[in-house]
Amino acid sequence: VKPIKSTGSFSYKQPDRIRWEYTGSVNM
């Protein structure tokens, strides 16, 4: 019923390296 909420940090470096770091209730 309720949406899943999460927070974190995003990093990108050219040309195609990416990182999503989820913290809080979602650790991923």
mmCIF file of all heavy atoms, coordinates in Angstrom:
data_MODEL
# 
_entry.id   MODEL 
# 
loop_
_atom_site.group_PDB 
_atom_site.id 
_atom_site.type_symbol 
_atom_site.label_atom_id 
_atom_site.label_alt_id 
_atom_site.label_comp_id 
_atom_site.label_asym_id 
_atom_site.label_entity_id 
_atom_site.label_seq_id 
_atom_site.pdbx_PDB_ins_code 
_atom_site.Cartn_x 
_atom_site.Cartn_y 
_atom_site.Cartn_z 
_atom_site.occupancy 
_atom_site.B_iso_or_equiv 
_atom_site.pdbx_formal_charge 
_atom_site.auth_seq_id 
_atom_site.auth_comp_id 
_atom_site.auth_asym_id 
_atom_site.auth_atom_id 
_atom_site.pdbx_PDB_model_num 
ATOM 1   N N   . VAL A 1 1  ? 0.831  -1.201 0.000   1.00 0.00 ? 1  VAL A N   1 
ATOM 2   C CA  . VAL A 1 1  ? 0.000  0.000  0.000   1.00 0.00 ? 1  VAL A CA  1 
ATOM 3   C C   . VAL A 1 1  ? 0.865  1.252  0.000   1.00 0.00 ? 1  VAL A C   1 
ATOM 4   O O   . VAL A 1 1  ? 0.616  2.197  -0.747  1.00 0.00 ? 1  VAL A O   1 
ATOM 5   C CB  . VAL A 1 1  ? -0.940 -0.002 1.222   1.00 0.00 ? 1  VAL A CB  1 
ATOM 6   C CG1 . VAL A 1 1  ? -1.727 1.307  1.281   1.00 0.00 ? 1  VAL A CG1 1 
ATOM 7   C CG2 . VAL A 1 1  ? -1.876 -1.196 1.180   1.00 0.00 ? 1  VAL A CG2 1 
ATOM 8   N N   . LYS A 1 2  ? 1.902  1.265  0.848   1.00 0.00 ? 2  LYS A N   1 
ATOM 9   C CA  . LYS A 1 2  ? 2.780  2.417  0.952   1.00 0.00 ? 2  LYS A CA  1 
ATOM 10  C C   . LYS A 1 2  ? 4.032  2.220  0.094   1.00 0.00 ? 2  LYS A C   1 
ATOM 11  O O   . LYS A 1 2  ? 4.512  1.095  -0.052  1.00 0.00 ? 2  LYS A O   1 
ATOM 12  C CB  . LYS A 1 2  ? 3.187  2.644  2.406   1.00 0.00 ? 2  LYS A CB  1 
ATOM 13  C CG  . LYS A 1 2  ? 2.028  3.021  3.310   1.00 0.00 ? 2  LYS A CG  1 
ATOM 14  C CD  . LYS A 1 2  ? 2.521  3.301  4.724   1.00 0.00 ? 2  LYS A CD  1 
ATOM 15  C CE  . LYS A 1 2  ? 1.372  3.726  5.637   1.00 0.00 ? 2  LYS A CE  1 
ATOM 16  N NZ  . LYS A 1 2  ? 1.856  4.006  7.017   1.00 0.00 ? 2  LYS A NZ  1 
ATOM 17  N N   . PRO A 1 3  ? 4.571  3.304  -0.476  1.00 0.00 ? 3  PRO A N   1 
ATOM 18  C CA  . PRO A 1 3  ? 5.802  3.181  -1.277  1.00 0.00 ? 3  PRO A CA  1 
ATOM 19  C C   . PRO A 1 3  ? 6.998  2.823  -0.407  1.00 0.00 ? 3  PRO A C   1 
ATOM 20  O O   . PRO A 1 3  ? 7.033  3.125  0.789   1.00 0.00 ? 3  PRO A O   1 
ATOM 21  C CB  . PRO A 1 3  ? 5.964  4.572  -1.899  1.00 0.00 ? 3  PRO A CB  1 
ATOM 22  C CG  . PRO A 1 3  ? 5.249  5.484  -0.955  1.00 0.00 ? 3  PRO A CG  1 
ATOM 23  C CD  . PRO A 1 3  ? 4.081  4.698  -0.429  1.00 0.00 ? 3  PRO A CD  1 
ATOM 24  N N   . ILE A 1 4  ? 7.983  2.181  -1.018  1.00 0.00 ? 4  ILE A N   1 
ATOM 25  C CA  . ILE A 1 4  ? 9.237  1.865  -0.338  1.00 0.00 ? 4  ILE A CA  1 
ATOM 26  C C   . ILE A 1 4  ? 10.156 3.077  -0.487  1.00 0.00 ? 4  ILE A C   1 
ATOM 27  O O   . ILE A 1 4  ? 10.505 3.475  -1.598  1.00 0.00 ? 4  ILE A O   1 
ATOM 28  C CB  . ILE A 1 4  ? 9.899  0.622  -0.953  1.00 0.00 ? 4  ILE A CB  1 
ATOM 29  C CG1 . ILE A 1 4  ? 8.950  -0.582 -0.869  1.00 0.00 ? 4  ILE A CG1 1 
ATOM 30  C CG2 . ILE A 1 4  ? 11.211 0.307  -0.253  1.00 0.00 ? 4  ILE A CG2 1 
ATOM 31  C CD1 . ILE A 1 4  ? 9.439  -1.786 -1.642  1.00 0.00 ? 4  ILE A CD1 1 
ATOM 32  N N   . LYS A 1 5  ? 10.553 3.662  0.646   1.00 0.00 ? 5  LYS A N   1 
ATOM 33  C CA  . LYS A 1 5  ? 11.382 4.858  0.622   1.00 0.00 ? 5  LYS A CA  1 
ATOM 34  C C   . LYS A 1 5  ? 12.813 4.527  1.025   1.00 0.00 ? 5  LYS A C   1 
ATOM 35  O O   . LYS A 1 5  ? 13.029 3.735  1.941   1.00 0.00 ? 5  LYS A O   1 
ATOM 36  C CB  . LYS A 1 5  ? 10.812 5.928  1.552   1.00 0.00 ? 5  LYS A CB  1 
ATOM 37  C CG  . LYS A 1 5  ? 9.420  6.403  1.154   1.00 0.00 ? 5  LYS A CG  1 
ATOM 38  C CD  . LYS A 1 5  ? 8.924  7.488  2.096   1.00 0.00 ? 5  LYS A CD  1 
ATOM 39  C CE  . LYS A 1 5  ? 7.538  7.975  1.691   1.00 0.00 ? 5  LYS A CE  1 
ATOM 40  N NZ  . LYS A 1 5  ? 7.047  9.054  2.590   1.00 0.00 ? 5  LYS A NZ  1 
ATOM 41  N N   . SER A 1 6  ? 13.756 5.122  0.340   1.00 0.00 ? 6  SER A N   1 
ATOM 42  C CA  . SER A 1 6  ? 15.162 4.901  0.661   1.00 0.00 ? 6  SER A CA  1 
ATOM 43  C C   . SER A 1 6  ? 15.967 6.147  0.314   1.00 0.00 ? 6  SER A C   1 
ATOM 44  O O   . SER A 1 6  ? 15.516 7.008  -0.440  1.00 0.00 ? 6  SER A O   1 
ATOM 45  C CB  . SER A 1 6  ? 15.711 3.681  -0.096  1.00 0.00 ? 6  SER A CB  1 
ATOM 46  O OG  . SER A 1 6  ? 15.492 3.801  -1.487  1.00 0.00 ? 6  SER A OG  1 
ATOM 47  N N   . THR A 1 7  ? 17.155 6.230  0.880   1.00 0.00 ? 7  THR A N   1 
ATOM 48  C CA  . THR A 1 7  ? 18.053 7.349  0.619   1.00 0.00 ? 7  THR A CA  1 
ATOM 49  C C   . THR A 1 7  ? 19.447 6.796  0.356   1.00 0.00 ? 7  THR A C   1 
ATOM 50  O O   . THR A 1 7  ? 19.722 5.617  0.573   1.00 0.00 ? 7  THR A O   1 
ATOM 51  C CB  . THR A 1 7  ? 18.111 8.311  1.819   1.00 0.00 ? 7  THR A CB  1 
ATOM 52  O OG1 . THR A 1 7  ? 18.556 7.576  2.977   1.00 0.00 ? 7  THR A OG1 1 
ATOM 53  C CG2 . THR A 1 7  ? 16.753 8.915  2.107   1.00 0.00 ? 7  THR A CG2 1 
ATOM 54  N N   . GLY A 1 8  ? 20.326 7.654  -0.114  1.00 0.00 ? 8  GLY A N   1 
ATOM 55  C CA  . GLY A 1 8  ? 21.687 7.191  -0.352  1.00 0.00 ? 8  GLY A CA  1 
ATOM 56  C C   . GLY A 1 8  ? 22.494 8.196  -1.139  1.00 0.00 ? 8  GLY A C   1 
ATOM 57  O O   . GLY A 1 8  ? 22.154 9.379  -1.216  1.00 0.00 ? 8  GLY A O   1 
ATOM 58  N N   . SER A 1 9  ? 23.579 7.714  -1.740  1.00 0.00 ? 9  SER A N   1 
ATOM 59  C CA  . SER A 1 9  ? 24.470 8.566  -2.518  1.00 0.00 ? 9  SER A CA  1 
ATOM 60  C C   . SER A 1 9  ? 24.692 7.965  -3.908  1.00 0.00 ? 9  SER A C   1 
ATOM 61  O O   . SER A 1 9  ? 24.629 6.743  -4.088  1.00 0.00 ? 9  SER A O   1 
ATOM 62  C CB  . SER A 1 9  ? 25.821 8.739  -1.810  1.00 0.00 ? 9  SER A CB  1 
ATOM 63  O OG  . SER A 1 9  ? 26.464 7.486  -1.648  1.00 0.00 ? 9  SER A OG  1 
ATOM 64  N N   . PHE A 1 10 ? 24.953 8.853  -4.852  1.00 0.00 ? 10 PHE A N   1 
ATOM 65  C CA  . PHE A 1 10 ? 25.157 8.467  -6.250  1.00 0.00 ? 10 PHE A CA  1 
ATOM 66  C C   . PHE A 1 10 ? 26.512 8.994  -6.702  1.00 0.00 ? 10 PHE A C   1 
ATOM 67  O O   . PHE A 1 10 ? 26.876 10.135 -6.414  1.00 0.00 ? 10 PHE A O   1 
ATOM 68  C CB  . PHE A 1 10 ? 24.054 9.055  -7.119  1.00 0.00 ? 10 PHE A CB  1 
ATOM 69  C CG  . PHE A 1 10 ? 24.274 8.907  -8.607  1.00 0.00 ? 10 PHE A CG  1 
ATOM 70  C CD1 . PHE A 1 10 ? 23.930 7.737  -9.266  1.00 0.00 ? 10 PHE A CD1 1 
ATOM 71  C CD2 . PHE A 1 10 ? 24.825 9.951  -9.350  1.00 0.00 ? 10 PHE A CD2 1 
ATOM 72  C CE1 . PHE A 1 10 ? 24.135 7.608  -10.633 1.00 0.00 ? 10 PHE A CE1 1 
ATOM 73  C CE2 . PHE A 1 10 ? 25.029 9.826  -10.718 1.00 0.00 ? 10 PHE A CE2 1 
ATOM 74  C CZ  . PHE A 1 10 ? 24.680 8.651  -11.359 1.00 0.00 ? 10 PHE A CZ  1 
ATOM 75  N N   . SER A 1 11 ? 27.263 8.145  -7.420  1.00 0.00 ? 11 SER A N   1 
ATOM 76  C CA  . SER A 1 11 ? 28.560 8.562  -7.973  1.00 0.00 ? 11 SER A CA  1 
ATOM 77  C C   . SER A 1 11 ? 28.665 8.107  -9.420  1.00 0.00 ? 11 SER A C   1 
ATOM 78  O O   . SER A 1 11 ? 28.231 7.001  -9.762  1.00 0.00 ? 11 SER A O   1 
ATOM 79  C CB  . SER A 1 11 ? 29.719 7.967  -7.163  1.00 0.00 ? 11 SER A CB  1 
ATOM 80  O OG  . SER A 1 11 ? 29.671 8.357  -5.813  1.00 0.00 ? 11 SER A OG  1 
ATOM 81  N N   . TYR A 1 12 ? 29.262 8.949  -10.246 1.00 0.00 ? 12 TYR A N   1 
ATOM 82  C CA  . TYR A 1 12 ? 29.480 8.621  -11.656 1.00 0.00 ? 12 TYR A CA  1 
ATOM 83  C C   . TYR A 1 12 ? 30.853 9.133  -12.073 1.00 0.00 ? 12 TYR A C   1 
ATOM 84  O O   . TYR A 1 12 ? 31.301 10.202 -11.629 1.00 0.00 ? 12 TYR A O   1 
ATOM 85  C CB  . TYR A 1 12 ? 28.406 9.260  -12.533 1.00 0.00 ? 12 TYR A CB  1 
ATOM 86  C CG  . TYR A 1 12 ? 28.801 9.370  -13.997 1.00 0.00 ? 12 TYR A CG  1 
ATOM 87  C CD1 . TYR A 1 12 ? 28.792 8.253  -14.816 1.00 0.00 ? 12 TYR A CD1 1 
ATOM 88  C CD2 . TYR A 1 12 ? 29.202 10.598 -14.537 1.00 0.00 ? 12 TYR A CD2 1 
ATOM 89  C CE1 . TYR A 1 12 ? 29.168 8.353  -16.155 1.00 0.00 ? 12 TYR A CE1 1 
ATOM 90  C CE2 . TYR A 1 12 ? 29.574 10.701 -15.864 1.00 0.00 ? 12 TYR A CE2 1 
ATOM 91  C CZ  . TYR A 1 12 ? 29.561 9.576  -16.667 1.00 0.00 ? 12 TYR A CZ  1 
ATOM 92  O OH  . TYR A 1 12 ? 29.941 9.674  -17.985 1.00 0.00 ? 12 TYR A OH  1 
ATOM 93  N N   . LYS A 1 13 ? 31.529 8.344  -12.913 1.00 0.00 ? 13 LYS A N   1 
ATOM 94  C CA  . LYS A 1 13 ? 32.798 8.778  -13.484 1.00 0.00 ? 13 LYS A CA  1 
ATOM 95  C C   . LYS A 1 13 ? 32.833 8.369  -14.947 1.00 0.00 ? 13 LYS A C   1 
ATOM 96  O O   . LYS A 1 13 ? 32.544 7.230  -15.299 1.00 0.00 ? 13 LYS A O   1 
ATOM 97  C CB  . LYS A 1 13 ? 33.982 8.161  -12.721 1.00 0.00 ? 13 LYS A CB  1 
ATOM 98  C CG  . LYS A 1 13 ? 35.330 8.785  -13.102 1.00 0.00 ? 13 LYS A CG  1 
ATOM 99  C CD  . LYS A 1 13 ? 36.426 8.402  -12.121 1.00 0.00 ? 13 LYS A CD  1 
ATOM 100 C CE  . LYS A 1 13 ? 37.700 9.197  -12.361 1.00 0.00 ? 13 LYS A CE  1 
ATOM 101 N NZ  . LYS A 1 13 ? 38.750 8.885  -11.370 1.00 0.00 ? 13 LYS A NZ  1 
ATOM 102 N N   . GLN A 1 14 ? 33.159 9.323  -15.798 1.00 0.00 ? 14 GLN A N   1 
ATOM 103 C CA  . GLN A 1 14 ? 33.212 9.084  -17.234 1.00 0.00 ? 14 GLN A CA  1 
ATOM 104 C C   . GLN A 1 14 ? 34.181 7.941  -17.563 1.00 0.00 ? 14 GLN A C   1 
ATOM 105 O O   . GLN A 1 14 ? 35.235 7.820  -16.921 1.00 0.00 ? 14 GLN A O   1 
ATOM 106 C CB  . GLN A 1 14 ? 33.648 10.380 -17.936 1.00 0.00 ? 14 GLN A CB  1 
ATOM 107 C CG  . GLN A 1 14 ? 33.404 10.398 -19.427 1.00 0.00 ? 14 GLN A CG  1 
ATOM 108 C CD  . GLN A 1 14 ? 33.920 11.675 -20.051 1.00 0.00 ? 14 GLN A CD  1 
ATOM 109 O OE1 . GLN A 1 14 ? 35.120 11.916 -20.017 1.00 0.00 ? 14 GLN A OE1 1 
ATOM 110 N NE2 . GLN A 1 14 ? 33.027 12.501 -20.571 1.00 0.00 ? 14 GLN A NE2 1 
ATOM 111 N N   . PRO A 1 15 ? 33.874 7.031  -18.508 1.00 0.00 ? 15 PRO A N   1 
ATOM 112 C CA  . PRO A 1 15 ? 32.719 7.123  -19.391 1.00 0.00 ? 15 PRO A CA  1 
ATOM 113 C C   . PRO A 1 15 ? 31.474 6.384  -18.904 1.00 0.00 ? 15 PRO A C   1 
ATOM 114 O O   . PRO A 1 15 ? 30.369 6.712  -19.334 1.00 0.00 ? 15 PRO A O   1 
ATOM 115 C CB  . PRO A 1 15 ? 33.234 6.471  -20.681 1.00 0.00 ? 15 PRO A CB  1 
ATOM 116 C CG  . PRO A 1 15 ? 34.187 5.427  -20.182 1.00 0.00 ? 15 PRO A CG  1 
ATOM 117 C CD  . PRO A 1 15 ? 34.852 6.015  -18.972 1.00 0.00 ? 15 PRO A CD  1 
ATOM 118 N N   . ASP A 1 16 ? 31.609 5.401  -18.004 1.00 0.00 ? 16 ASP A N   1 
ATOM 119 C CA  . ASP A 1 16 ? 30.429 4.582  -17.705 1.00 0.00 ? 16 ASP A CA  1 
ATOM 120 C C   . ASP A 1 16 ? 30.457 3.920  -16.331 1.00 0.00 ? 16 ASP A C   1 
ATOM 121 O O   . ASP A 1 16 ? 29.769 2.928  -16.112 1.00 0.00 ? 16 ASP A O   1 
ATOM 122 C CB  . ASP A 1 16 ? 30.255 3.495  -18.775 1.00 0.00 ? 16 ASP A CB  1 
ATOM 123 C CG  . ASP A 1 16 ? 31.521 2.693  -19.012 1.00 0.00 ? 16 ASP A CG  1 
ATOM 124 O OD1 . ASP A 1 16 ? 32.445 2.796  -18.189 1.00 0.00 ? 16 ASP A OD1 1 
ATOM 125 O OD2 . ASP A 1 16 ? 31.592 1.975  -20.031 1.00 0.00 ? 16 ASP A OD2 1 
ATOM 126 N N   . ARG A 1 17 ? 31.234 4.456  -15.402 1.00 0.00 ? 17 ARG A N   1 
ATOM 127 C CA  . ARG A 1 17 ? 31.282 3.854  -14.067 1.00 0.00 ? 17 ARG A CA  1 
ATOM 128 C C   . ARG A 1 17 ? 30.267 4.529  -13.148 1.00 0.00 ? 17 ARG A C   1 
ATOM 129 O O   . ARG A 1 17 ? 30.201 5.760  -13.083 1.00 0.00 ? 17 ARG A O   1 
ATOM 130 C CB  . ARG A 1 17 ? 32.700 3.945  -13.497 1.00 0.00 ? 17 ARG A CB  1 
ATOM 131 C CG  . ARG A 1 17 ? 33.634 2.908  -14.101 1.00 0.00 ? 17 ARG A CG  1 
ATOM 132 C CD  . ARG A 1 17 ? 35.058 3.099  -13.646 1.00 0.00 ? 17 ARG A CD  1 
ATOM 133 N NE  . ARG A 1 17 ? 35.656 4.272  -14.267 1.00 0.00 ? 17 ARG A NE  1 
ATOM 134 C CZ  . ARG A 1 17 ? 36.888 4.675  -14.032 1.00 0.00 ? 17 ARG A CZ  1 
ATOM 135 N NH1 . ARG A 1 17 ? 37.654 4.020  -13.162 1.00 0.00 ? 17 ARG A NH1 1 
ATOM 136 N NH2 . ARG A 1 17 ? 37.365 5.736  -14.639 1.00 0.00 ? 17 ARG A NH2 1 
ATOM 137 N N   . ILE A 1 18 ? 29.492 3.702  -12.430 1.00 0.00 ? 18 ILE A N   1 
ATOM 138 C CA  . ILE A 1 18 ? 28.355 4.199  -11.651 1.00 0.00 ? 18 ILE A CA  1 
ATOM 139 C C   . ILE A 1 18 ? 28.282 3.469  -10.321 1.00 0.00 ? 18 ILE A C   1 
ATOM 140 O O   . ILE A 1 18 ? 28.562 2.272  -10.244 1.00 0.00 ? 18 ILE A O   1 
ATOM 141 C CB  . ILE A 1 18 ? 27.034 3.985  -12.425 1.00 0.00 ? 18 ILE A CB  1 
ATOM 142 C CG1 . ILE A 1 18 ? 27.074 4.719  -13.763 1.00 0.00 ? 18 ILE A CG1 1 
ATOM 143 C CG2 . ILE A 1 18 ? 25.830 4.453  -11.606 1.00 0.00 ? 18 ILE A CG2 1 
ATOM 144 C CD1 . ILE A 1 18 ? 26.069 4.220  -14.753 1.00 0.00 ? 18 ILE A CD1 1 
ATOM 145 N N   . ARG A 1 19 ? 27.888 4.189  -9.285  1.00 0.00 ? 19 ARG A N   1 
ATOM 146 C CA  . ARG A 1 19 ? 27.664 3.564  -7.984  1.00 0.00 ? 19 ARG A CA  1 
ATOM 147 C C   . ARG A 1 19 ? 26.457 4.209  -7.308  1.00 0.00 ? 19 ARG A C   1 
ATOM 148 O O   . ARG A 1 19 ? 26.373 5.429  -7.190  1.00 0.00 ? 19 ARG A O   1 
ATOM 149 C CB  . ARG A 1 19 ? 28.885 3.710  -7.086  1.00 0.00 ? 19 ARG A CB  1 
ATOM 150 C CG  . ARG A 1 19 ? 28.729 3.037  -5.709  1.00 0.00 ? 19 ARG A CG  1 
ATOM 151 C CD  . ARG A 1 19 ? 29.882 3.372  -4.791  1.00 0.00 ? 19 ARG A CD  1 
ATOM 152 N NE  . ARG A 1 19 ? 29.790 2.673  -3.520  1.00 0.00 ? 19 ARG A NE  1 
ATOM 153 C CZ  . ARG A 1 19 ? 30.496 1.590  -3.200  1.00 0.00 ? 19 ARG A CZ  1 
ATOM 154 N NH1 . ARG A 1 19 ? 31.370 1.095  -4.075  1.00 0.00 ? 19 ARG A NH1 1 
ATOM 155 N NH2 . ARG A 1 19 ? 30.347 1.005  -2.027  1.00 0.00 ? 19 ARG A NH2 1 
ATOM 156 N N   . TRP A 1 20 ? 25.523 3.349  -6.881  1.00 0.00 ? 20 TRP A N   1 
ATOM 157 C CA  . TRP A 1 20 ? 24.393 3.755  -6.046  1.00 0.00 ? 20 TRP A CA  1 
ATOM 158 C C   . TRP A 1 20 ? 24.609 3.105  -4.683  1.00 0.00 ? 20 TRP A C   1 
ATOM 159 O O   . TRP A 1 20 ? 24.712 1.877  -4.587  1.00 0.00 ? 20 TRP A O   1 
ATOM 160 C CB  . TRP A 1 20 ? 23.063 3.275  -6.623  1.00 0.00 ? 20 TRP A CB  1 
ATOM 161 C CG  . TRP A 1 20 ? 22.694 3.864  -7.945  1.00 0.00 ? 20 TRP A CG  1 
ATOM 162 C CD1 . TRP A 1 20 ? 23.136 3.466  -9.174  1.00 0.00 ? 20 TRP A CD1 1 
ATOM 163 C CD2 . TRP A 1 20 ? 21.790 4.943  -8.181  1.00 0.00 ? 20 TRP A CD2 1 
ATOM 164 N NE1 . TRP A 1 20 ? 22.569 4.231  -10.161 1.00 0.00 ? 20 TRP A NE1 1 
ATOM 165 C CE2 . TRP A 1 20 ? 21.738 5.150  -9.576  1.00 0.00 ? 20 TRP A CE2 1 
ATOM 166 C CE3 . TRP A 1 20 ? 21.027 5.750  -7.339  1.00 0.00 ? 20 TRP A CE3 1 
ATOM 167 C CZ2 . TRP A 1 20 ? 20.939 6.132  -10.148 1.00 0.00 ? 20 TRP A CZ2 1 
ATOM 168 C CZ3 . TRP A 1 20 ? 20.224 6.736  -7.911  1.00 0.00 ? 20 TRP A CZ3 1 
ATOM 169 C CH2 . TRP A 1 20 ? 20.187 6.924  -9.298  1.00 0.00 ? 20 TRP A CH2 1 
ATOM 170 N N   . GLU A 1 21 ? 24.671 3.915  -3.644  1.00 0.00 ? 21 GLU A N   1 
ATOM 171 C CA  . GLU A 1 21 ? 24.874 3.412  -2.285  1.00 0.00 ? 21 GLU A CA  1 
ATOM 172 C C   . GLU A 1 21 ? 23.592 3.701  -1.490  1.00 0.00 ? 21 GLU A C   1 
ATOM 173 O O   . GLU A 1 21 ? 23.297 4.848  -1.151  1.00 0.00 ? 21 GLU A O   1 
ATOM 174 C CB  . GLU A 1 21 ? 26.057 4.109  -1.626  1.00 0.00 ? 21 GLU A CB  1 
ATOM 175 C CG  . GLU A 1 21 ? 26.352 3.629  -0.224  1.00 0.00 ? 21 GLU A CG  1 
ATOM 176 C CD  . GLU A 1 21 ? 27.398 2.520  -0.184  1.00 0.00 ? 21 GLU A CD  1 
ATOM 177 O OE1 . GLU A 1 21 ? 28.155 2.393  -1.165  1.00 0.00 ? 21 GLU A OE1 1 
ATOM 178 O OE2 . GLU A 1 21 ? 27.451 1.798  0.815   1.00 0.00 ? 21 GLU A OE2 1 
ATOM 179 N N   . TYR A 1 22 ? 22.824 2.641  -1.227  1.00 0.00 ? 22 TYR A N   1 
ATOM 180 C CA  . TYR A 1 22 ? 21.579 2.790  -0.470  1.00 0.00 ? 22 TYR A CA  1 
ATOM 181 C C   . TYR A 1 22 ? 21.865 2.608  1.020   1.00 0.00 ? 22 TYR A C   1 
ATOM 182 O O   . TYR A 1 22 ? 22.563 1.673  1.417   1.00 0.00 ? 22 TYR A O   1 
ATOM 183 C CB  . TYR A 1 22 ? 20.553 1.747  -0.915  1.00 0.00 ? 22 TYR A CB  1 
ATOM 184 C CG  . TYR A 1 22 ? 19.978 1.990  -2.288  1.00 0.00 ? 22 TYR A CG  1 
ATOM 185 C CD1 . TYR A 1 22 ? 20.682 1.621  -3.431  1.00 0.00 ? 22 TYR A CD1 1 
ATOM 186 C CD2 . TYR A 1 22 ? 18.735 2.597  -2.444  1.00 0.00 ? 22 TYR A CD2 1 
ATOM 187 C CE1 . TYR A 1 22 ? 20.158 1.833  -4.698  1.00 0.00 ? 22 TYR A CE1 1 
ATOM 188 C CE2 . TYR A 1 22 ? 18.204 2.829  -3.703  1.00 0.00 ? 22 TYR A CE2 1 
ATOM 189 C CZ  . TYR A 1 22 ? 18.922 2.443  -4.824  1.00 0.00 ? 22 TYR A CZ  1 
ATOM 190 O OH  . TYR A 1 22 ? 18.404 2.660  -6.072  1.00 0.00 ? 22 TYR A OH  1 
ATOM 191 N N   . THR A 1 23 ? 21.288 3.513  1.836   1.00 0.00 ? 23 THR A N   1 
ATOM 192 C CA  . THR A 1 23 ? 21.493 3.442  3.280   1.00 0.00 ? 23 THR A CA  1 
ATOM 193 C C   . THR A 1 23 ? 20.138 3.504  3.989   1.00 0.00 ? 23 THR A C   1 
ATOM 194 O O   . THR A 1 23 ? 19.094 3.681  3.357   1.00 0.00 ? 23 THR A O   1 
ATOM 195 C CB  . THR A 1 23 ? 22.385 4.592  3.763   1.00 0.00 ? 23 THR A CB  1 
ATOM 196 O OG1 . THR A 1 23 ? 21.786 5.847  3.377   1.00 0.00 ? 23 THR A OG1 1 
ATOM 197 C CG2 . THR A 1 23 ? 23.769 4.498  3.147   1.00 0.00 ? 23 THR A CG2 1 
ATOM 198 N N   . GLY A 1 24 ? 20.161 3.383  5.299   1.00 0.00 ? 24 GLY A N   1 
ATOM 199 C CA  . GLY A 1 24 ? 18.921 3.446  6.062   1.00 0.00 ? 24 GLY A CA  1 
ATOM 200 C C   . GLY A 1 24 ? 18.218 2.102  6.086   1.00 0.00 ? 24 GLY A C   1 
ATOM 201 O O   . GLY A 1 24 ? 18.842 1.064  6.326   1.00 0.00 ? 24 GLY A O   1 
ATOM 202 N N   . SER A 1 25 ? 16.895 2.099  5.815   1.00 0.00 ? 25 SER A N   1 
ATOM 203 C CA  . SER A 1 25 ? 16.117 0.863  5.871   1.00 0.00 ? 25 SER A CA  1 
ATOM 204 C C   . SER A 1 25 ? 16.533 -0.117 4.780   1.00 0.00 ? 25 SER A C   1 
ATOM 205 O O   . SER A 1 25 ? 16.357 -1.323 4.909   1.00 0.00 ? 25 SER A O   1 
ATOM 206 C CB  . SER A 1 25 ? 14.624 1.178  5.736   1.00 0.00 ? 25 SER A CB  1 
ATOM 207 O OG  . SER A 1 25 ? 14.363 1.856  4.513   1.00 0.00 ? 25 SER A OG  1 
ATOM 208 N N   . VAL A 1 26 ? 17.081 0.406  3.678   1.00 0.00 ? 26 VAL A N   1 
ATOM 209 C CA  . VAL A 1 26 ? 17.581 -0.436 2.589   1.00 0.00 ? 26 VAL A CA  1 
ATOM 210 C C   . VAL A 1 26 ? 19.101 -0.320 2.571   1.00 0.00 ? 26 VAL A C   1 
ATOM 211 O O   . VAL A 1 26 ? 19.640 0.768  2.382   1.00 0.00 ? 26 VAL A O   1 
ATOM 212 C CB  . VAL A 1 26 ? 17.001 -0.004 1.227   1.00 0.00 ? 26 VAL A CB  1 
ATOM 213 C CG1 . VAL A 1 26 ? 17.594 -0.850 0.109   1.00 0.00 ? 26 VAL A CG1 1 
ATOM 214 C CG2 . VAL A 1 26 ? 15.485 -0.119 1.230   1.00 0.00 ? 26 VAL A CG2 1 
ATOM 215 N N   . ASN A 1 27 ? 19.788 -1.413 2.776   1.00 0.00 ? 27 ASN A N   1 
ATOM 216 C CA  . ASN A 1 27 ? 21.254 -1.416 2.771   1.00 0.00 ? 27 ASN A CA  1 
ATOM 217 C C   . ASN A 1 27 ? 21.728 -2.198 1.543   1.00 0.00 ? 27 ASN A C   1 
ATOM 218 O O   . ASN A 1 27 ? 21.676 -3.430 1.522   1.00 0.00 ? 27 ASN A O   1 
ATOM 219 C CB  . ASN A 1 27 ? 21.785 -2.046 4.059   1.00 0.00 ? 27 ASN A CB  1 
ATOM 220 C CG  . ASN A 1 27 ? 23.297 -1.876 4.196   1.00 0.00 ? 27 ASN A CG  1 
ATOM 221 O OD1 . ASN A 1 27 ? 23.914 -1.130 3.441   1.00 0.00 ? 27 ASN A OD1 1 
ATOM 222 N ND2 . ASN A 1 27 ? 23.882 -2.570 5.143   1.00 0.00 ? 27 ASN A ND2 1 
ATOM 223 N N   . MET A 1 28 ? 22.153 -1.480 0.503   1.00 0.00 ? 28 MET A N   1 
ATOM 224 C CA  . MET A 1 28 ? 22.474 -2.132 -0.765  1.00 0.00 ? 28 MET A CA  1 
ATOM 225 C C   . MET A 1 28 ? 23.447 -1.262 -1.552  1.00 0.00 ? 28 MET A C   1 
ATOM 226 O O   . MET A 1 28 ? 23.424 -0.036 -1.459  1.00 0.00 ? 28 MET A O   1 
ATOM 227 C CB  . MET A 1 28 ? 21.187 -2.352 -1.562  1.00 0.00 ? 28 MET A CB  1 
ATOM 228 C CG  . MET A 1 28 ? 21.349 -3.021 -2.911  1.00 0.00 ? 28 MET A CG  1 
ATOM 229 S SD  . MET A 1 28 ? 19.730 -3.371 -3.691  1.00 0.00 ? 28 MET A SD  1 
ATOM 230 C CE  . MET A 1 28 ? 19.153 -1.687 -4.007  1.00 0.00 ? 28 MET A CE  1 
# 
